[in-house]
Amino acid sequence: MHTKIKSILIIGALLSLTTSCFQDESVSAPVKTNPVSDDPIDIYIQTNFIDKYGVAVRYRYVDRYVDQNKRVTPPKRELVEPMLDFLTDFWVDPFINVPNGRKFFEDYVPAEVIFIGSTIYNADGTVTLGTADAGARITLSEVNDIDITNKNWIFRQLGTIYHEFAHIMHQRNNLPPSWQEISPQGYTSLGSWYNLTDEEALQRGFVSPYGTSTFNEDFAEVVAFILYKPDFYERYINDEVGCTTSDCDLRNEGRAKLRRKYNAILSHYQQYVGVDLLEVRAIIQAKL
């Protein structure tokens, strides 16, 4: 499956951060090895990613990694290693340092991670921040904007990588039981989700408008939000007290559905891979 996440829909002068994914069943699993190289960056990747986890990181531009209808800029060479360190700090380490996490990460990590320097510009006026292909490849954009002091950039990257990693989980183990029954009337479609506001999505029982597009995207969005959103419980789980408006009541109704999704996800990870996502979240939050 080819999944595209974190798109920005540009409507006139307005630019709003969203998510978008699509399928491409033709993607085959790439080879997990790189040719021998004496390039310092290649040696760094070989030592820290290929040898340890069997994942190759591609930073040189190759057109087969990007749809021909999209426009991109390759990553700057001097920013590749800082981006690799960012992934180690916020993606690799949080998972491998919890019980059963190392095995989970090694078993589920995709064979390739692709770096793109810019956002990926689409023909329809949107931009793509990341993609996942059949559980075998994750593409990350905006590498040239790396700034570990910029929380907005950090959250966009974390939202992308955790969302795409969550897709691999449900591709291997399906969705939690009865997932489709929690908020069945709240879903939209891949072609209309961006008409919702964050508030409307919450009232329907979703963490984001894009989560309303499909069952799978709903799952991946909730997993990502659990891991990286500092205000996850305040915003999406804990009810507001003393509601005096219908909007407040509707938000709390949405939170009741999200609590069911939250519990279903935690149980799903524990059952299938033995990983406590709340322990992973604690490590991530301590780094932010």
C-alpha atoms as a PDB file:
ATOM      1  CA  MET A   1       0.000   0.000   0.000  1.00  0.00           C
ATOM      2  CA  HIS A   2       1.242   3.441  -0.827  1.00  0.00           C
ATOM      3  CA  THR A   3       0.317   5.916   1.844  1.00  0.00           C
ATOM      4  CA  LYS A   4       0.753   9.666   1.731  1.00  0.00           C
ATOM      5  CA  ILE A   5       0.600  11.682   4.921  1.00  0.00           C
ATOM      6  CA  LYS A   6       0.525  15.238   6.161  1.00  0.00           C
ATOM      7  CA  SER A   7      -0.569  17.213   3.140  1.00  0.00           C
ATOM      8  CA  ILE A   8      -1.103  20.942   3.197  1.00  0.00           C
ATOM      9  CA  LEU A   9      -4.142  22.102   1.311  1.00  0.00           C
ATOM     10  CA  ILE A  10      -3.664  25.552  -0.171  1.00  0.00           C
ATOM     11  CA  ILE A  11      -6.965  27.331  -0.794  1.00  0.00           C
ATOM     12  CA  GLY A  12      -6.414  30.873  -1.985  1.00  0.00           C
ATOM     13  CA  ALA A  13      -4.217  32.554   0.589  1.00  0.00           C
ATOM     14  CA  LEU A  14      -5.002  30.018   3.306  1.00  0.00           C
ATOM     15  CA  LEU A  15      -2.650  27.150   4.079  1.00  0.00           C
ATOM     16  CA  SER A  16      -3.762  24.517   6.579  1.00  0.00           C
ATOM     17  CA  LEU A  17      -1.829  21.464   7.734  1.00  0.00           C
ATOM     18  CA  THR A  18      -3.563  18.173   7.020  1.00  0.00           C
ATOM     19  CA  THR A  19      -2.875  14.539   6.153  1.00  0.00           C
ATOM     20  CA  SER A  20      -3.355  12.543   2.974  1.00  0.00           C
ATOM     21  CA  CYS A  21      -2.697   8.935   1.950  1.00  0.00           C
ATOM     22  CA  PHE A  22      -3.230   6.820  -1.142  1.00  0.00           C
ATOM     23  CA  GLN A  23      -2.612   3.254  -2.250  1.00  0.00           C
ATOM     24  CA  ASP A  24      -0.198   1.733  -4.733  1.00  0.00           C
ATOM     25  CA  GLU A  25      -0.248  -2.044  -4.564  1.00  0.00           C
ATOM     26  CA  SER A  26       2.512  -2.315  -7.201  1.00  0.00           C
ATOM     27  CA  VAL A  27       5.260  -1.293  -4.780  1.00  0.00           C
ATOM     28  CA  SER A  28       7.592  -4.177  -4.033  1.00  0.00           C
ATOM     29  CA  ALA A  29       9.867  -4.528  -1.026  1.00  0.00           C
ATOM     30  CA  PRO A  30      13.230  -2.868  -1.734  1.00  0.00           C
ATOM     31  CA  VAL A  31      16.542  -4.486  -0.970  1.00  0.00           C
ATOM     32  CA  LYS A  32      17.840  -3.702   2.511  1.00  0.00           C
ATOM     33  CA  THR A  33      21.489  -3.282   1.517  1.00  0.00           C
ATOM     34  CA  ASN A  34      23.576  -0.511   0.039  1.00  0.00           C
ATOM     35  CA  PRO A  35      26.635  -0.952  -2.189  1.00  0.00           C
ATOM     36  CA  VAL A  36      29.977  -0.595  -0.407  1.00  0.00           C
ATOM     37  CA  SER A  37      30.982   3.078  -0.312  1.00  0.00           C
ATOM     38  CA  ASP A  38      33.758   5.124   1.248  1.00  0.00           C
ATOM     39  CA  ASP A  39      31.508   8.191   1.467  1.00  0.00           C
ATOM     40  CA  PRO A  40      31.335   9.313   5.133  1.00  0.00           C
ATOM     41  CA  ILE A  41      27.546   9.637   5.051  1.00  0.00           C
ATOM     42  CA  ASP A  42      27.149   6.202   3.502  1.00  0.00           C
ATOM     43  CA  ILE A  43      29.438   4.729   6.138  1.00  0.00           C
ATOM     44  CA  TYR A  44      27.362   6.433   8.852  1.00  0.00           C
ATOM     45  CA  ILE A  45      24.152   4.976   7.391  1.00  0.00           C
ATOM     46  CA  GLN A  46      25.739   1.542   7.027  1.00  0.00           C
ATOM     47  CA  THR A  47      26.906   1.526  10.637  1.00  0.00           C
ATOM     48  CA  ASN A  48      23.873   3.046  12.327  1.00  0.00           C
ATOM     49  CA  PHE A  49      20.941   1.921  10.208  1.00  0.00           C
ATOM     50  CA  ILE A  50      21.735  -0.915   7.796  1.00  0.00           C
ATOM     51  CA  ASP A  51      23.937  -3.000  10.069  1.00  0.00           C
ATOM     52  CA  LYS A  52      21.787  -2.423  13.163  1.00  0.00           C
ATOM     53  CA  TYR A  53      18.247  -2.533  11.787  1.00  0.00           C
ATOM     54  CA  GLY A  54      18.423  -3.542   8.134  1.00  0.00           C
ATOM     55  CA  VAL A  55      17.006  -0.227   6.923  1.00  0.00           C
ATOM     56  CA  ALA A  56      18.663   1.697   4.086  1.00  0.00           C
ATOM     57  CA  VAL A  57      18.429   5.488   4.041  1.00  0.00           C
ATOM     58  CA  ARG A  58      18.383   7.061   0.570  1.00  0.00           C
ATOM     59  CA  TYR A  59      19.348  10.724   0.422  1.00  0.00           C
ATOM     60  CA  ARG A  60      20.571  11.080  -3.171  1.00  0.00           C
ATOM     61  CA  TYR A  61      17.780  12.077  -5.525  1.00  0.00           C
ATOM     62  CA  VAL A  62      16.400   9.205  -7.599  1.00  0.00           C
ATOM     63  CA  ASP A  63      13.305   9.944  -9.636  1.00  0.00           C
ATOM     64  CA  ARG A  64      11.754   6.526  -9.079  1.00  0.00           C
ATOM     65  CA  TYR A  65      11.191   7.481  -5.433  1.00  0.00           C
ATOM     66  CA  VAL A  66       8.852  10.343  -6.369  1.00  0.00           C
ATOM     67  CA  ASP A  67       5.806  10.396  -8.620  1.00  0.00           C
ATOM     68  CA  GLN A  68       6.586  12.078 -11.953  1.00  0.00           C
ATOM     69  CA  ASN A  69       3.694  14.511 -11.413  1.00  0.00           C
ATOM     70  CA  LYS A  70       5.282  15.929  -8.281  1.00  0.00           C
ATOM     71  CA  ARG A  71       8.028  18.503  -7.868  1.00  0.00           C
ATOM     72  CA  VAL A  72      10.723  18.126  -5.218  1.00  0.00           C
ATOM     73  CA  THR A  73      14.140  19.400  -4.137  1.00  0.00           C
ATOM     74  CA  PRO A  74      16.816  16.937  -2.950  1.00  0.00           C
ATOM     75  CA  PRO A  75      18.185  17.218   0.598  1.00  0.00           C
ATOM     76  CA  LYS A  76      21.291  19.256   1.247  1.00  0.00           C
ATOM     77  CA  ARG A  77      24.221  16.983   1.944  1.00  0.00           C
ATOM     78  CA  GLU A  78      25.225  18.740   5.163  1.00  0.00           C
ATOM     79  CA  LEU A  79      21.735  18.181   6.622  1.00  0.00           C
ATOM     80  CA  VAL A  80      21.561  14.427   6.047  1.00  0.00           C
ATOM     81  CA  GLU A  81      23.464  13.381   9.150  1.00  0.00           C
ATOM     82  CA  PRO A  82      21.525  15.753  11.470  1.00  0.00           C
ATOM     83  CA  MET A  83      18.293  14.282  10.069  1.00  0.00           C
ATOM     84  CA  LEU A  84      19.584  10.767  10.720  1.00  0.00           C
ATOM     85  CA  ASP A  85      20.362  11.748  14.305  1.00  0.00           C
ATOM     86  CA  PHE A  86      16.863  13.191  14.662  1.00  0.00           C
ATOM     87  CA  LEU A  87      15.337   9.886  13.541  1.00  0.00           C
ATOM     88  CA  THR A  88      17.538   7.962  15.936  1.00  0.00           C
ATOM     89  CA  ASP A  89      16.591  10.223  18.827  1.00  0.00           C
ATOM     90  CA  PHE A  90      12.836  10.392  18.255  1.00  0.00           C
ATOM     91  CA  TRP A  91      11.976   7.220  16.347  1.00  0.00           C
ATOM     92  CA  VAL A  92      14.515   4.473  16.951  1.00  0.00           C
ATOM     93  CA  ASP A  93      15.451   5.069  20.595  1.00  0.00           C
ATOM     94  CA  PRO A  94      11.929   5.471  22.031  1.00  0.00           C
ATOM     95  CA  PHE A  95      10.858   2.109  20.625  1.00  0.00           C
ATOM     96  CA  ILE A  96      13.971   0.031  21.260  1.00  0.00           C
ATOM     97  CA  ASN A  97      14.213   1.196  24.884  1.00  0.00           C
ATOM     98  CA  VAL A  98      10.895  -0.257  26.062  1.00  0.00           C
ATOM     99  CA  PRO A  99      10.178  -3.938  26.782  1.00  0.00           C
ATOM    100  CA  ASN A 100       9.765  -5.894  23.529  1.00  0.00           C
ATOM    101  CA  GLY A 101      10.370  -2.681  21.610  1.00  0.00           C
ATOM    102  CA  ARG A 102      13.644  -3.658  19.980  1.00  0.00           C
ATOM    103  CA  LYS A 103      12.164  -6.794  18.453  1.00  0.00           C
ATOM    104  CA  PHE A 104       9.086  -4.868  17.351  1.00  0.00           C
ATOM    105  CA  PHE A 105      11.167  -2.141  15.726  1.00  0.00           C
ATOM    106  CA  GLU A 106      13.488  -4.570  13.970  1.00  0.00           C
ATOM    107  CA  ASP A 107      10.577  -6.658  12.695  1.00  0.00           C
ATOM    108  CA  TYR A 108       8.405  -3.754  11.547  1.00  0.00           C
ATOM    109  CA  VAL A 109      10.853  -1.091  10.414  1.00  0.00           C
ATOM    110  CA  PRO A 110      10.587  -0.518   6.644  1.00  0.00           C
ATOM    111  CA  ALA A 111      13.437  -1.552   4.376  1.00  0.00           C
ATOM    112  CA  GLU A 112      14.028   1.997   3.140  1.00  0.00           C
ATOM    113  CA  VAL A 113      13.691   5.557   4.347  1.00  0.00           C
ATOM    114  CA  ILE A 114      13.846   8.208   1.638  1.00  0.00           C
ATOM    115  CA  PHE A 115      14.882  11.811   2.345  1.00  0.00           C
ATOM    116  CA  ILE A 116      13.449  14.670   0.286  1.00  0.00           C
ATOM    117  CA  GLY A 117      14.715  18.194   0.879  1.00  0.00           C
ATOM    118  CA  SER A 118      11.522  20.113   0.192  1.00  0.00           C
ATOM    119  CA  THR A 119       7.877  19.391   0.630  1.00  0.00           C
ATOM    120  CA  ILE A 120       6.482  17.341  -2.247  1.00  0.00           C
ATOM    121  CA  TYR A 121       4.413  19.596  -4.488  1.00  0.00           C
ATOM    122  CA  ASN A 122       1.349  17.994  -6.061  1.00  0.00           C
ATOM    123  CA  ALA A 123      -0.469  18.975  -9.221  1.00  0.00           C
ATOM    124  CA  ASP A 124      -3.714  19.645  -7.315  1.00  0.00           C
ATOM    125  CA  GLY A 125      -2.280  22.444  -5.173  1.00  0.00           C
ATOM    126  CA  THR A 126      -1.449  20.357  -2.131  1.00  0.00           C
ATOM    127  CA  VAL A 127       1.930  19.433  -0.738  1.00  0.00           C
ATOM    128  CA  THR A 128       2.939  16.102   0.790  1.00  0.00           C
ATOM    129  CA  LEU A 129       5.117  15.799   3.884  1.00  0.00           C
ATOM    130  CA  GLY A 130       5.614  12.045   3.802  1.00  0.00           C
ATOM    131  CA  THR A 131       4.584   8.742   2.260  1.00  0.00           C
ATOM    132  CA  ALA A 132       4.670   5.029   3.096  1.00  0.00           C
ATOM    133  CA  ASP A 133       4.821   2.332   0.442  1.00  0.00           C
ATOM    134  CA  ALA A 134       3.511  -1.165   1.201  1.00  0.00           C
ATOM    135  CA  GLY A 135       5.250  -1.201   4.561  1.00  0.00           C
ATOM    136  CA  ALA A 136       8.566  -1.296   2.723  1.00  0.00           C
ATOM    137  CA  ARG A 137       9.480   2.362   2.310  1.00  0.00           C
ATOM    138  CA  ILE A 138       8.829   5.618   4.167  1.00  0.00           C
ATOM    139  CA  THR A 139       9.554   8.955   2.505  1.00  0.00           C
ATOM    140  CA  LEU A 140      10.201  12.045   4.626  1.00  0.00           C
ATOM    141  CA  SER A 141      10.263  15.545   3.198  1.00  0.00           C
ATOM    142  CA  GLU A 142      11.291  18.999   4.498  1.00  0.00           C
ATOM    143  CA  VAL A 143      14.746  17.716   5.423  1.00  0.00           C
ATOM    144  CA  ASN A 144      16.226  21.032   4.290  1.00  0.00           C
ATOM    145  CA  ASP A 145      14.093  22.811   6.897  1.00  0.00           C
ATOM    146  CA  ILE A 146      15.488  20.817   9.807  1.00  0.00           C
ATOM    147  CA  ASP A 147      15.481  22.868  12.992  1.00  0.00           C
ATOM    148  CA  ILE A 148      15.408  20.994  16.280  1.00  0.00           C
ATOM    149  CA  THR A 149      14.457  24.222  18.078  1.00  0.00           C
ATOM    150  CA  ASN A 150      11.334  24.606  15.923  1.00  0.00           C
ATOM    151  CA  LYS A 151       8.467  22.668  17.542  1.00  0.00           C
ATOM    152  CA  ASN A 152       6.279  23.027  14.456  1.00  0.00           C
ATOM    153  CA  TRP A 153       8.881  21.314  12.269  1.00  0.00           C
ATOM    154  CA  ILE A 154       9.474  18.644  14.908  1.00  0.00           C
ATOM    155  CA  PHE A 155       5.769  17.897  15.259  1.00  0.00           C
ATOM    156  CA  ARG A 156       5.286  17.669  11.497  1.00  0.00           C
ATOM    157  CA  GLN A 157       8.118  15.164  11.205  1.00  0.00           C
ATOM    158  CA  LEU A 158       7.005  13.120  14.203  1.00  0.00           C
ATOM    159  CA  GLY A 159       3.419  13.115  12.999  1.00  0.00           C
ATOM    160  CA  THR A 160       4.622  11.782   9.671  1.00  0.00           C
ATOM    161  CA  ILE A 161       6.951   9.048  10.895  1.00  0.00           C
ATOM    162  CA  TYR A 162       4.663   7.733  13.650  1.00  0.00           C
ATOM    163  CA  HIS A 163       1.637   7.775  11.361  1.00  0.00           C
ATOM    164  CA  GLU A 164       3.415   5.859   8.631  1.00  0.00           C
ATOM    165  CA  PHE A 165       4.931   3.389  11.100  1.00  0.00           C
ATOM    166  CA  ALA A 166       1.411   2.765  12.458  1.00  0.00           C
ATOM    167  CA  HIS A 167       0.236   1.823   8.961  1.00  0.00           C
ATOM    168  CA  ILE A 168       2.727  -1.047   8.969  1.00  0.00           C
ATOM    169  CA  MET A 169       1.197  -2.249  12.239  1.00  0.00           C
ATOM    170  CA  HIS A 170      -2.341  -2.519  10.890  1.00  0.00           C
ATOM    171  CA  GLN A 171      -1.128  -3.909   7.554  1.00  0.00           C
ATOM    172  CA  ARG A 172       0.445  -6.807   9.462  1.00  0.00           C
ATOM    173  CA  ASN A 173      -2.197  -7.276  12.163  1.00  0.00           C
ATOM    174  CA  ASN A 174      -5.394  -5.670  10.840  1.00  0.00           C
ATOM    175  CA  LEU A 175      -7.331  -3.059  12.800  1.00  0.00           C
ATOM    176  CA  PRO A 176      -8.462  -3.639  16.383  1.00  0.00           C
ATOM    177  CA  PRO A 177     -11.725  -5.600  16.716  1.00  0.00           C
ATOM    178  CA  SER A 178     -14.867  -3.506  16.160  1.00  0.00           C
ATOM    179  CA  TRP A 179     -12.785  -0.467  15.158  1.00  0.00           C
ATOM    180  CA  GLN A 180     -15.198   0.307  12.337  1.00  0.00           C
ATOM    181  CA  GLU A 181     -18.106   0.385  14.784  1.00  0.00           C
ATOM    182  CA  ILE A 182     -16.820   3.122  17.095  1.00  0.00           C
ATOM    183  CA  SER A 183     -17.662   6.165  14.949  1.00  0.00           C
ATOM    184  CA  PRO A 184     -19.164   4.789  11.714  1.00  0.00           C
ATOM    185  CA  GLN A 185     -21.221   7.865  10.885  1.00  0.00           C
ATOM    186  CA  GLY A 186     -18.285  10.232  11.257  1.00  0.00           C
ATOM    187  CA  TYR A 187     -16.227   9.167   8.254  1.00  0.00           C
ATOM    188  CA  THR A 188     -16.010  11.298   5.129  1.00  0.00           C
ATOM    189  CA  SER A 189     -13.846  10.227   2.177  1.00  0.00           C
ATOM    190  CA  LEU A 190     -10.434  10.787   0.628  1.00  0.00           C
ATOM    191  CA  GLY A 191     -11.965  13.506  -1.494  1.00  0.00           C
ATOM    192  CA  SER A 192     -13.864  15.484   1.139  1.00  0.00           C
ATOM    193  CA  TRP A 193     -12.174  15.195   4.534  1.00  0.00           C
ATOM    194  CA  TYR A 194     -10.488  18.584   4.129  1.00  0.00           C
ATOM    195  CA  ASN A 195     -13.863  20.307   4.331  1.00  0.00           C
ATOM    196  CA  LEU A 196     -13.979  19.561   8.072  1.00  0.00           C
ATOM    197  CA  THR A 197     -12.452  21.702  10.794  1.00  0.00           C
ATOM    198  CA  ASP A 198     -10.465  20.278  13.707  1.00  0.00           C
ATOM    199  CA  GLU A 199     -13.422  21.077  15.954  1.00  0.00           C
ATOM    200  CA  GLU A 200     -15.865  19.194  13.754  1.00  0.00           C
ATOM    201  CA  ALA A 201     -13.530  16.203  13.570  1.00  0.00           C
ATOM    202  CA  LEU A 202     -13.256  16.084  17.366  1.00  0.00           C
ATOM    203  CA  GLN A 203     -17.023  16.224  17.753  1.00  0.00           C
ATOM    204  CA  ARG A 204     -17.272  13.196  15.460  1.00  0.00           C
ATOM    205  CA  GLY A 205     -14.703  11.260  17.498  1.00  0.00           C
ATOM    206  CA  PHE A 206     -11.532  11.851  15.457  1.00  0.00           C
ATOM    207  CA  VAL A 207      -8.214  13.498  16.258  1.00  0.00           C
ATOM    208  CA  SER A 208      -7.987  15.267  12.883  1.00  0.00           C
ATOM    209  CA  PRO A 209     -10.050  15.891   9.756  1.00  0.00           C
ATOM    210  CA  TYR A 210      -7.852  13.482   7.823  1.00  0.00           C
ATOM    211  CA  GLY A 211      -8.635  10.751  10.301  1.00  0.00           C
ATOM    212  CA  THR A 212     -12.208  10.817   9.007  1.00  0.00           C
ATOM    213  CA  SER A 213     -11.150   9.764   5.509  1.00  0.00           C
ATOM    214  CA  THR A 214     -10.778   5.989   6.083  1.00  0.00           C
ATOM    215  CA  PHE A 215     -10.643   3.464   8.915  1.00  0.00           C
ATOM    216  CA  ASN A 216      -6.911   2.937   8.345  1.00  0.00           C
ATOM    217  CA  GLU A 217      -6.047   6.638   8.406  1.00  0.00           C
ATOM    218  CA  ASP A 218      -8.111   7.033  11.569  1.00  0.00           C
ATOM    219  CA  PHE A 219      -6.018   4.322  13.256  1.00  0.00           C
ATOM    220  CA  ALA A 220      -2.689   5.782  12.121  1.00  0.00           C
ATOM    221  CA  GLU A 221      -3.640   9.299  13.164  1.00  0.00           C
ATOM    222  CA  VAL A 222      -4.666   8.256  16.666  1.00  0.00           C
ATOM    223  CA  VAL A 223      -1.439   6.267  17.153  1.00  0.00           C
ATOM    224  CA  ALA A 224       0.646   9.245  16.038  1.00  0.00           C
ATOM    225  CA  PHE A 225      -1.245  11.694  18.243  1.00  0.00           C
ATOM    226  CA  ILE A 226      -0.882   9.407  21.281  1.00  0.00           C
ATOM    227  CA  LEU A 227       2.882   9.418  20.813  1.00  0.00           C
ATOM    228  CA  TYR A 228       3.760  13.001  19.993  1.00  0.00           C
ATOM    229  CA  LYS A 229       0.978  15.363  21.093  1.00  0.00           C
ATOM    230  CA  PRO A 230       1.891  16.913  24.469  1.00  0.00           C
ATOM    231  CA  ASP A 231      -1.738  17.913  25.092  1.00  0.00           C
ATOM    232  CA  PHE A 232      -3.225  14.625  23.877  1.00  0.00           C
ATOM    233  CA  TYR A 233      -5.169  13.846  27.057  1.00  0.00           C
ATOM    234  CA  GLU A 234      -6.364  17.383  27.673  1.00  0.00           C
ATOM    235  CA  ARG A 235      -7.518  17.860  24.092  1.00  0.00           C
ATOM    236  CA  TYR A 236      -8.768  14.437  23.034  1.00  0.00           C
ATOM    237  CA  ILE A 237      -9.398  12.205  26.054  1.00  0.00           C
ATOM    238  CA  ASN A 238     -10.428  14.096  29.190  1.00  0.00           C
ATOM    239  CA  ASP A 239     -13.936  15.544  29.204  1.00  0.00           C
ATOM    240  CA  GLU A 240     -14.542  19.226  29.739  1.00  0.00           C
ATOM    241  CA  VAL A 241     -16.315  19.833  33.045  1.00  0.00           C
ATOM    242  CA  GLY A 242     -19.419  21.963  33.459  1.00  0.00           C
ATOM    243  CA  CYS A 243     -20.421  22.262  29.808  1.00  0.00           C
ATOM    244  CA  THR A 244     -22.906  25.052  29.120  1.00  0.00           C
ATOM    245  CA  THR A 245     -22.948  24.910  25.302  1.00  0.00           C
ATOM    246  CA  SER A 246     -23.967  22.294  22.763  1.00  0.00           C
ATOM    247  CA  ASP A 247     -20.498  22.489  21.191  1.00  0.00           C
ATOM    248  CA  CYS A 248     -18.936  21.492  24.512  1.00  0.00           C
ATOM    249  CA  ASP A 249     -21.367  18.571  24.819  1.00  0.00           C
ATOM    250  CA  LEU A 250     -20.519  17.442  21.285  1.00  0.00           C
ATOM    251  CA  ARG A 251     -16.782  17.605  22.001  1.00  0.00           C
ATOM    252  CA  ASN A 252     -17.292  15.378  25.022  1.00  0.00           C
ATOM    253  CA  GLU A 253     -19.326  12.951  22.938  1.00  0.00           C
ATOM    254  CA  GLY A 254     -16.417  12.816  20.499  1.00  0.00           C
ATOM    255  CA  ARG A 255     -13.976  12.226  23.347  1.00  0.00           C
ATOM    256  CA  ALA A 256     -16.029   9.253  24.538  1.00  0.00           C
ATOM    257  CA  LYS A 257     -15.477   7.662  21.108  1.00  0.00           C
ATOM    258  CA  LEU A 258     -11.794   8.562  21.179  1.00  0.00           C
ATOM    259  CA  ARG A 259     -11.403   6.897  24.561  1.00  0.00           C
ATOM    260  CA  ARG A 260     -12.657   3.677  22.974  1.00  0.00           C
ATOM    261  CA  LYS A 261     -10.165   4.065  20.118  1.00  0.00           C
ATOM    262  CA  TYR A 262      -7.373   4.875  22.564  1.00  0.00           C
ATOM    263  CA  ASN A 263      -8.016   1.762  24.647  1.00  0.00           C
ATOM    264  CA  ALA A 264      -8.393  -0.404  21.529  1.00  0.00           C
ATOM    265  CA  ILE A 265      -5.010   0.755  20.186  1.00  0.00           C
ATOM    266  CA  LEU A 266      -3.176   0.199  23.466  1.00  0.00           C
ATOM    267  CA  SER A 267      -4.623  -3.317  23.708  1.00  0.00           C
ATOM    268  CA  HIS A 268      -3.814  -4.037  20.046  1.00  0.00           C
ATOM    269  CA  TYR A 269      -0.129  -3.214  20.445  1.00  0.00           C
ATOM    270  CA  GLN A 270       0.109  -5.158  23.690  1.00  0.00           C
ATOM    271  CA  GLN A 271      -1.594  -8.207  22.204  1.00  0.00           C
ATOM    272  CA  TYR A 272       0.294  -8.430  18.922  1.00  0.00           C
ATOM    273  CA  VAL A 273       3.761  -7.021  19.646  1.00  0.00           C
ATOM    274  CA  GLY A 274       3.914  -6.715  23.433  1.00  0.00           C
ATOM    275  CA  VAL A 275       4.713  -3.000  23.322  1.00  0.00           C
ATOM    276  CA  ASP A 276       3.237  -0.471  25.739  1.00  0.00           C
ATOM    277  CA  LEU A 277       2.725   2.665  23.669  1.00  0.00           C
ATOM    278  CA  LEU A 278       2.448   4.755  26.817  1.00  0.00           C
ATOM    279  CA  GLU A 279       6.028   3.849  27.722  1.00  0.00           C
ATOM    280  CA  VAL A 280       7.095   4.885  24.228  1.00  0.00           C
ATOM    281  CA  ARG A 281       5.138   8.124  24.607  1.00  0.00           C
ATOM    282  CA  ALA A 282       6.841   8.874  27.942  1.00  0.00           C
ATOM    283  CA  ILE A 283      10.280   8.658  26.326  1.00  0.00           C
ATOM    284  CA  ILE A 284       9.218  10.871  23.418  1.00  0.00           C
ATOM    285  CA  GLN A 285       7.597  13.478  25.648  1.00  0.00           C
ATOM    286  CA  ALA A 286      10.716  13.671  27.813  1.00  0.00           C
ATOM    287  CA  LYS A 287      12.693  14.640  24.708  1.00  0.00           C
ATOM    288  CA  LEU A 288      10.321  17.402  23.567  1.00  0.00           C
END
